[in-house]
Amino acid sequence: MAKKAVLIGINYPGTNGELKGCINDVKRMHNCLIQRYGFSDQDIKVLIDTDDSYDQPTGKNIRRALNDLVCSAESGDFLFVHYSGHGTRLPAEDDDETGYDECIVPMDMNLITDDDFRELVDEVPEGCRITIVSDSCHSGGLIEEAKEQIGESTKHHDSDSESGSGFNIFFNQTVEGRGIHDESIYVKSRHLPLSTLIEMLKQKTGKDDIDIGKVRPTLFDAFGEDASPKVKKFMKVVITKLQDEDEGFMGTLGSLVLQFLKQKLVEDEGYGKWALETEHREATVYPLPDNGILISGCQTHQTSADACPPGNPNLAYGALSDAIQTILAESDGSVTNRELVLKARQMLKKKGYTQSPGLYCSDYLVDTPFICD
């Protein structure tokens, strides 16, 4: 039996989306895994963006670390992933059940989507358990098709669906924020608005003509083979339709996107290679596999808080991450997944935060110990 982990912390220093507590979250969890759960330092992969001696949390590096974690696993192993950083969501280009693609935001903006996490979890070997903690916004939907045990994301989506769909909901919907009773604590949301994401993507790519319709084509153009599998699958559909001169489909694309893609296909006969070679996974409806657990910092429609005592960024933290460490420190024995999430909800509510952590897993894992036995 092995215990292995990947810890990801992204503060985005020097950008419009800069956070303060994500690296601290990773440091505290690293110590917790070693001191409380008996992990070996050599079995913990750390990716942070404030120290060049560590692998940088780019989209490519995060995917590689997660894939290595799963591919090296065997039956009986305990796997753990902690992510602290921005979350965002894009209007879904298909019939996504929430109407959005929930994503985490690597330091280079090479988004990793809920479908990508679903495919990762599906590869976990039988008899091996993986626990994912995501202290980010919209994290309640981070694993596509996960079974919600504690949370209101599904109910919230059902009530929203009556008032509209698609882009109208996306632009008109207000994201629930966070408050805090202690006004001396500076609190920032770990939600990256689409407008800010586009501005940061412009800075990373040097392209000034990015709009909402060009986010996915830009991600594919910038990252190619290393782009999200879901982005590549989307581009495969688009490029195939363009090559087939499907006028009905082309009419659904914005003029800038259409012009951009047509020019790329003319300039480079090999453009789209990585998309066209991507296999399409058929959509299914089933709960999170028996070996997967997700603990989210909030619901799909909520933001998670990044908190910092005034003048002391060394003590900054994510609200969920801090709650987890406090609960574990106050517990003599093991804490179940259910107990951890319910206590975290009570603790955050008492402090004035409006975010509600969630639990996603199969029924029999609800009352198993957090991380490992």
Protein backbone atom coordinates (compact mmCIF):
# COMPACT_ATOMS: atom_id res chain seq x y z
CA MET A 1 0.00 0.00 0.00
CA ALA A 2 1.36 3.41 -1.01
CA LYS A 3 0.31 6.96 -0.16
CA LYS A 4 0.94 9.53 -2.89
CA ALA A 5 -0.10 13.15 -3.36
CA VAL A 6 -0.04 16.10 -5.72
CA LEU A 7 -0.30 19.57 -4.14
CA ILE A 8 -0.94 22.59 -6.37
CA GLY A 9 -0.81 26.21 -5.18
CA ILE A 10 -1.06 29.23 -7.48
CA ASN A 11 -0.85 32.84 -6.26
CA TYR A 12 -0.57 34.45 -9.76
CA PRO A 13 1.92 37.11 -8.53
CA GLY A 14 2.03 40.33 -10.50
CA THR A 15 -1.27 39.72 -12.32
CA ASN A 16 -4.78 41.12 -12.03
CA GLY A 17 -5.78 37.85 -10.41
CA GLU A 18 -3.12 37.79 -7.69
CA LEU A 19 -3.96 35.80 -4.55
CA LYS A 20 -2.13 35.53 -1.22
CA GLY A 21 -2.98 32.27 0.52
CA CYS A 22 -2.64 29.45 -2.00
CA ILE A 23 1.03 28.64 -1.43
CA ASN A 24 0.48 28.70 2.33
CA ASP A 25 -2.38 26.21 1.89
CA VAL A 26 -0.02 23.83 0.12
CA LYS A 27 2.70 24.17 2.77
CA ARG A 28 0.25 23.41 5.57
CA MET A 29 -1.22 20.43 3.73
CA HIS A 30 2.27 19.11 2.96
CA ASN A 31 3.13 19.14 6.67
CA CYS A 32 -0.23 17.58 7.53
CA LEU A 33 0.24 14.69 5.10
CA ILE A 34 3.65 13.85 6.55
CA GLN A 35 2.97 14.42 10.24
CA ARG A 36 -0.61 13.17 10.53
CA TYR A 37 -1.08 10.71 7.67
CA GLY A 38 2.40 9.21 7.31
CA PHE A 39 3.11 10.25 3.73
CA SER A 40 6.72 10.24 2.60
CA ASP A 41 8.11 13.52 1.27
CA GLN A 42 9.35 11.77 -1.87
CA ASP A 43 5.78 10.67 -2.65
CA ILE A 44 4.39 14.21 -2.54
CA LYS A 45 4.62 16.24 -5.76
CA VAL A 46 4.43 20.01 -5.16
CA LEU A 47 3.70 22.58 -7.89
CA ILE A 48 3.78 26.26 -6.90
CA ASP A 49 4.37 29.49 -8.84
CA THR A 50 6.42 31.49 -6.33
CA ASP A 51 9.57 29.34 -6.22
CA ASP A 52 11.44 28.26 -9.35
CA SER A 53 12.99 25.31 -7.52
CA TYR A 54 9.59 23.59 -7.79
CA ASP A 55 7.81 22.55 -10.96
CA GLN A 56 5.67 25.44 -12.11
CA PRO A 57 1.88 24.85 -12.10
CA THR A 58 1.30 25.29 -15.82
CA GLY A 59 -1.53 23.36 -17.44
CA LYS A 60 0.94 20.91 -18.99
CA ASN A 61 2.80 20.30 -15.72
CA ILE A 62 -0.39 19.88 -13.68
CA ARG A 63 -1.79 17.35 -16.16
CA ARG A 64 1.50 15.46 -16.20
CA ALA A 65 1.65 15.34 -12.39
CA LEU A 66 -1.95 14.13 -12.11
CA ASN A 67 -1.50 11.53 -14.84
CA ASP A 68 1.72 10.27 -13.22
CA LEU A 69 -0.10 10.02 -9.90
CA VAL A 70 -2.86 7.87 -11.37
CA CYS A 71 -0.69 5.81 -13.74
CA SER A 72 1.69 4.82 -10.93
CA ALA A 73 -1.13 3.73 -8.62
CA GLU A 74 -1.99 0.16 -7.70
CA SER A 75 -4.89 -1.44 -5.89
CA GLY A 76 -4.80 -0.54 -2.20
CA ASP A 77 -3.05 2.80 -2.71
CA PHE A 78 -4.34 6.10 -1.32
CA LEU A 79 -4.04 9.09 -3.65
CA PHE A 80 -4.57 12.70 -2.65
CA VAL A 81 -4.81 15.95 -4.65
CA HIS A 82 -5.07 19.44 -3.18
CA TYR A 83 -5.63 22.47 -5.39
CA SER A 84 -5.60 26.06 -4.16
CA GLY A 85 -6.03 28.73 -6.80
CA HIS A 86 -8.54 30.38 -9.07
CA GLY A 87 -11.58 28.65 -10.47
CA THR A 88 -13.59 29.88 -13.43
CA ARG A 89 -16.27 28.64 -15.77
CA LEU A 90 -17.08 29.01 -19.43
CA PRO A 91 -20.52 28.73 -21.03
CA ALA A 92 -20.63 25.10 -22.14
CA GLU A 93 -20.40 24.45 -25.87
CA ASP A 94 -22.42 21.25 -25.50
CA ASP A 95 -25.28 19.92 -23.39
CA ASP A 96 -23.38 20.12 -20.11
CA GLU A 97 -25.74 19.42 -17.22
CA THR A 98 -24.85 22.64 -15.38
CA GLY A 99 -24.69 24.82 -18.49
CA TYR A 100 -21.02 25.57 -17.82
CA ASP A 101 -17.57 24.08 -18.02
CA GLU A 102 -16.11 24.44 -14.53
CA CYS A 103 -12.33 24.86 -14.67
CA ILE A 104 -9.24 25.38 -12.57
CA VAL A 105 -6.83 28.06 -13.77
CA PRO A 106 -3.14 27.11 -14.11
CA MET A 107 -0.57 29.92 -13.98
CA ASP A 108 -0.36 30.05 -17.80
CA MET A 109 -4.17 30.13 -18.28
CA ASN A 110 -4.13 26.66 -19.94
CA LEU A 111 -7.46 25.71 -18.36
CA ILE A 112 -8.21 22.24 -16.98
CA THR A 113 -11.92 21.42 -17.17
CA ASP A 114 -14.40 19.34 -15.20
CA ASP A 115 -14.43 16.77 -18.02
CA ASP A 116 -10.65 16.47 -17.77
CA PHE A 117 -10.94 15.66 -14.06
CA ARG A 118 -13.69 13.15 -14.82
CA GLU A 119 -11.45 11.30 -17.26
CA LEU A 120 -8.57 11.37 -14.77
CA VAL A 121 -10.69 9.86 -12.00
CA ASP A 122 -12.01 7.22 -14.39
CA GLU A 123 -8.42 5.98 -14.83
CA VAL A 124 -7.83 5.34 -11.12
CA PRO A 125 -7.22 1.58 -10.64
CA GLU A 126 -9.86 -0.54 -8.96
CA GLY A 127 -9.28 -0.78 -5.23
CA CYS A 128 -7.38 2.51 -5.13
CA ARG A 129 -8.95 5.57 -3.51
CA ILE A 130 -8.36 9.16 -4.65
CA THR A 131 -9.41 12.21 -2.62
CA ILE A 132 -9.46 15.63 -4.29
CA VAL A 133 -9.74 18.87 -2.31
CA SER A 134 -10.31 21.96 -4.42
CA ASP A 135 -10.16 25.26 -2.57
CA SER A 136 -11.32 27.31 -5.54
CA CYS A 137 -14.46 28.90 -6.89
CA HIS A 138 -17.13 26.85 -8.72
CA SER A 139 -15.40 23.75 -7.37
CA GLY A 140 -18.69 22.00 -6.65
CA GLY A 141 -18.82 21.03 -10.32
CA LEU A 142 -15.15 20.26 -10.74
CA ILE A 143 -15.67 16.57 -11.54
CA GLU A 144 -18.25 16.12 -14.24
CA GLU A 145 -21.17 13.83 -13.37
CA ALA A 146 -20.12 13.45 -9.74
CA LYS A 147 -22.74 12.35 -7.20
CA GLU A 148 -23.50 15.19 -4.80
CA GLN A 149 -23.72 13.92 -1.22
CA ILE A 150 -23.54 17.26 0.61
CA GLY A 151 -24.34 20.42 -1.32
CA GLU A 152 -26.91 22.50 -3.13
CA SER A 153 -25.36 22.80 -6.59
CA THR A 154 -27.92 20.55 -8.24
CA LYS A 155 -30.86 22.32 -6.59
CA HIS A 156 -29.44 25.73 -7.53
CA HIS A 157 -29.09 24.66 -11.16
CA ASP A 158 -32.64 23.32 -11.26
CA SER A 159 -34.06 26.64 -10.04
CA ASP A 160 -31.95 28.60 -12.53
CA SER A 161 -32.97 26.49 -15.49
CA GLU A 162 -36.48 27.92 -15.45
CA SER A 163 -35.36 31.46 -16.18
CA GLY A 164 -33.22 30.94 -19.27
CA SER A 165 -30.21 29.17 -20.66
CA GLY A 166 -26.83 29.50 -22.29
CA PHE A 167 -25.22 32.91 -22.69
CA ASN A 168 -28.21 34.80 -21.21
CA ILE A 169 -27.83 33.02 -17.88
CA PHE A 170 -24.05 33.37 -17.99
CA PHE A 171 -24.04 37.13 -18.46
CA ASN A 172 -27.05 37.93 -16.26
CA GLN A 173 -26.31 35.60 -13.36
CA THR A 174 -24.66 37.02 -10.26
CA VAL A 175 -22.07 34.85 -8.57
CA GLU A 176 -22.63 34.42 -4.86
CA GLY A 177 -19.77 35.95 -2.94
CA ARG A 178 -18.40 35.69 0.58
CA GLY A 179 -18.56 37.83 3.63
CA ILE A 180 -16.69 37.67 6.89
CA HIS A 181 -17.44 39.03 10.35
CA ASP A 182 -13.82 39.96 11.09
CA GLU A 183 -13.40 43.16 9.09
CA SER A 184 -9.67 43.25 9.86
CA ILE A 185 -9.15 40.29 7.51
CA TYR A 186 -8.71 41.21 3.85
CA VAL A 187 -10.75 38.78 1.77
CA LYS A 188 -10.54 38.25 -1.98
CA SER A 189 -12.51 35.86 -4.13
CA ARG A 190 -10.83 32.88 -5.78
CA HIS A 191 -13.20 33.41 -8.70
CA LEU A 192 -11.58 34.57 -11.94
CA PRO A 193 -14.24 36.47 -13.89
CA LEU A 194 -14.34 35.77 -17.59
CA SER A 195 -13.33 39.35 -18.34
CA THR A 196 -10.23 39.05 -16.14
CA LEU A 197 -9.41 35.64 -17.59
CA ILE A 198 -9.53 37.10 -21.10
CA GLU A 199 -7.27 40.00 -20.10
CA MET A 200 -4.75 37.61 -18.53
CA LEU A 201 -4.97 35.34 -21.58
CA LYS A 202 -4.20 38.35 -23.78
CA GLN A 203 -1.10 39.06 -21.69
CA LYS A 204 0.07 35.45 -21.84
CA THR A 205 -0.49 35.02 -25.59
CA GLY A 206 0.14 38.54 -26.90
CA LYS A 207 -3.19 38.43 -28.75
CA ASP A 208 -5.43 41.50 -28.41
CA ASP A 209 -8.53 40.28 -30.25
CA ILE A 210 -9.76 37.62 -27.80
CA ASP A 211 -13.46 37.66 -26.92
CA ILE A 212 -15.72 35.11 -25.27
CA GLY A 213 -16.21 33.19 -28.50
CA LYS A 214 -12.48 32.93 -29.11
CA VAL A 215 -11.38 31.63 -25.71
CA ARG A 216 -11.32 27.97 -26.73
CA PRO A 217 -9.73 28.56 -30.16
CA THR A 218 -7.13 30.77 -28.47
CA LEU A 219 -6.36 28.12 -25.87
CA PHE A 220 -5.91 25.55 -28.63
CA ASP A 221 -3.83 27.91 -30.77
CA ALA A 222 -1.58 28.82 -27.83
CA PHE A 223 -1.10 25.38 -26.29
CA GLY A 224 -1.72 22.89 -29.11
CA GLU A 225 -1.03 19.34 -27.95
CA ASP A 226 -0.87 20.53 -24.34
CA ALA A 227 -4.33 22.12 -24.39
CA SER A 228 -7.18 20.62 -22.40
CA PRO A 229 -8.56 17.41 -23.97
CA LYS A 230 -12.00 19.00 -23.90
CA VAL A 231 -10.72 22.04 -25.79
CA LYS A 232 -9.14 19.73 -28.37
CA LYS A 233 -12.37 17.78 -28.75
CA PHE A 234 -14.29 21.01 -29.27
CA MET A 235 -11.79 22.14 -31.90
CA LYS A 236 -12.00 18.75 -33.61
CA VAL A 237 -15.72 19.28 -34.13
CA VAL A 238 -15.23 22.86 -35.34
CA ILE A 239 -12.41 22.07 -37.76
CA THR A 240 -14.23 19.06 -39.18
CA LYS A 241 -17.35 21.13 -39.78
CA LEU A 242 -15.32 23.86 -41.48
CA GLN A 243 -13.55 21.35 -43.71
CA ASP A 244 -16.94 19.88 -44.63
CA GLU A 245 -18.23 23.41 -45.31
CA ASP A 246 -21.19 22.89 -43.01
CA GLU A 247 -22.92 26.25 -43.52
CA GLY A 248 -25.47 25.64 -40.78
CA PHE A 249 -22.75 25.09 -38.22
CA MET A 250 -20.59 27.96 -39.47
CA GLY A 251 -23.53 30.27 -38.94
CA THR A 252 -23.35 29.59 -35.21
CA LEU A 253 -19.74 30.82 -34.99
CA GLY A 254 -18.93 34.46 -34.49
CA SER A 255 -17.43 36.24 -37.48
CA LEU A 256 -14.09 36.83 -35.73
CA VAL A 257 -13.81 33.17 -34.76
CA LEU A 258 -14.73 32.00 -38.25
CA GLN A 259 -12.23 34.36 -39.87
CA PHE A 260 -9.53 33.35 -37.39
CA LEU A 261 -9.97 29.60 -37.99
CA LYS A 262 -10.26 29.86 -41.76
CA GLN A 263 -7.04 31.85 -41.89
CA LYS A 264 -5.26 29.29 -39.71
CA LEU A 265 -6.39 26.40 -41.91
CA VAL A 266 -5.16 28.23 -45.02
CA GLU A 267 -1.80 29.21 -43.53
CA ASP A 268 -1.04 25.82 -42.00
CA GLU A 269 -2.25 22.57 -43.54
CA GLY A 270 -1.34 20.77 -40.33
CA TYR A 271 -3.31 23.13 -38.11
CA GLY A 272 -5.65 21.19 -35.90
CA LYS A 273 -3.55 18.01 -35.90
CA TRP A 274 -3.73 17.61 -32.13
CA ALA A 275 -7.48 18.16 -32.17
CA LEU A 276 -8.19 15.76 -35.02
CA GLU A 277 -6.20 13.00 -33.31
CA THR A 278 -8.16 13.37 -30.06
CA GLU A 279 -10.54 10.51 -29.32
CA HIS A 280 -14.09 11.46 -28.41
CA ARG A 281 -15.47 9.96 -25.20
CA GLU A 282 -19.17 9.22 -25.42
CA ALA A 283 -21.25 11.06 -22.85
CA THR A 284 -22.49 8.91 -19.99
CA VAL A 285 -24.52 9.50 -16.88
CA TYR A 286 -23.24 7.81 -13.75
CA PRO A 287 -22.04 8.82 -10.29
CA LEU A 288 -18.43 9.35 -9.36
CA PRO A 289 -16.67 5.96 -9.45
CA ASP A 290 -16.37 4.04 -6.18
CA ASN A 291 -12.73 5.10 -5.77
CA GLY A 292 -13.15 8.89 -6.03
CA ILE A 293 -13.96 11.62 -3.49
CA LEU A 294 -14.25 15.36 -4.12
CA ILE A 295 -14.36 17.94 -1.32
CA SER A 296 -15.14 21.34 -2.82
CA GLY A 297 -14.57 24.75 -1.30
CA CYS A 298 -18.00 25.90 -2.40
CA GLN A 299 -20.94 25.17 -4.69
CA THR A 300 -20.85 25.53 -8.49
CA HIS A 301 -22.47 28.98 -8.26
CA GLN A 302 -20.37 30.27 -5.36
CA THR A 303 -16.94 31.76 -4.79
CA SER A 304 -14.28 30.58 -2.35
CA ALA A 305 -12.41 33.04 -0.16
CA ASP A 306 -8.72 33.90 -0.05
CA ALA A 307 -8.15 35.57 3.33
CA CYS A 308 -5.20 37.63 4.54
CA PRO A 309 -4.56 39.32 7.90
CA PRO A 310 -3.61 42.97 7.26
CA GLY A 311 0.07 43.43 6.48
CA ASN A 312 0.92 39.76 6.96
CA PRO A 313 0.66 37.74 3.72
CA ASN A 314 2.70 34.96 5.34
CA LEU A 315 -0.44 34.09 7.30
CA ALA A 316 -2.85 34.23 4.34
CA TYR A 317 -5.03 31.19 3.67
CA GLY A 318 -7.93 29.75 1.77
CA ALA A 319 -11.08 29.59 3.90
CA LEU A 320 -11.70 25.88 3.22
CA SER A 321 -8.03 24.92 3.61
CA ASP A 322 -7.83 26.72 6.94
CA ALA A 323 -11.03 25.07 8.15
CA ILE A 324 -9.71 21.62 7.24
CA GLN A 325 -6.46 22.18 9.14
CA THR A 326 -8.32 23.52 12.19
CA ILE A 327 -10.74 20.59 12.25
CA LEU A 328 -7.95 18.02 11.94
CA ALA A 329 -5.87 19.72 14.64
CA GLU A 330 -8.83 19.61 17.05
CA SER A 331 -9.57 15.93 16.37
CA ASP A 332 -7.78 13.18 18.26
CA GLY A 333 -8.82 10.36 15.93
CA SER A 334 -9.81 10.02 12.32
CA VAL A 335 -12.35 12.35 10.75
CA THR A 336 -14.77 11.05 8.14
CA ASN A 337 -15.46 12.85 4.89
CA ARG A 338 -18.99 13.66 6.05
CA GLU A 339 -17.79 15.01 9.41
CA LEU A 340 -15.11 17.13 7.78
CA VAL A 341 -17.46 18.79 5.30
CA LEU A 342 -20.27 19.38 7.81
CA LYS A 343 -17.87 20.85 10.39
CA ALA A 344 -16.24 23.03 7.72
CA ARG A 345 -19.67 24.34 6.72
CA GLN A 346 -20.50 25.23 10.32
CA MET A 347 -17.11 26.84 10.91
CA LEU A 348 -17.21 28.99 7.78
CA LYS A 349 -20.81 30.06 8.40
CA LYS A 350 -19.94 31.07 11.97
CA LYS A 351 -17.08 33.22 10.66
CA GLY A 352 -19.38 34.93 8.19
CA TYR A 353 -18.38 33.26 4.93
CA THR A 354 -21.22 32.49 2.55
CA GLN A 355 -19.43 29.66 0.72
CA SER A 356 -20.70 26.15 1.47
CA PRO A 357 -18.22 23.27 1.01
CA GLY A 358 -19.52 20.18 -0.76
CA LEU A 359 -18.93 16.43 -0.78
CA TYR A 360 -19.09 14.28 -3.91
CA CYS A 361 -18.54 10.53 -3.75
CA SER A 362 -20.23 7.16 -3.86
CA ASP A 363 -22.51 6.30 -0.93
CA TYR A 364 -20.18 3.95 0.86
CA LEU A 365 -17.31 6.47 0.93
CA VAL A 366 -19.29 9.20 2.70
CA ASP A 367 -18.35 7.92 6.17
CA THR A 368 -14.84 6.64 5.40
CA PRO A 369 -11.88 8.50 6.95
CA PHE A 370 -10.61 11.60 5.17
CA ILE A 371 -7.62 10.81 2.90
CA CYS A 372 -6.83 7.33 4.23
CA ASP A 373 -7.63 4.79 6.92
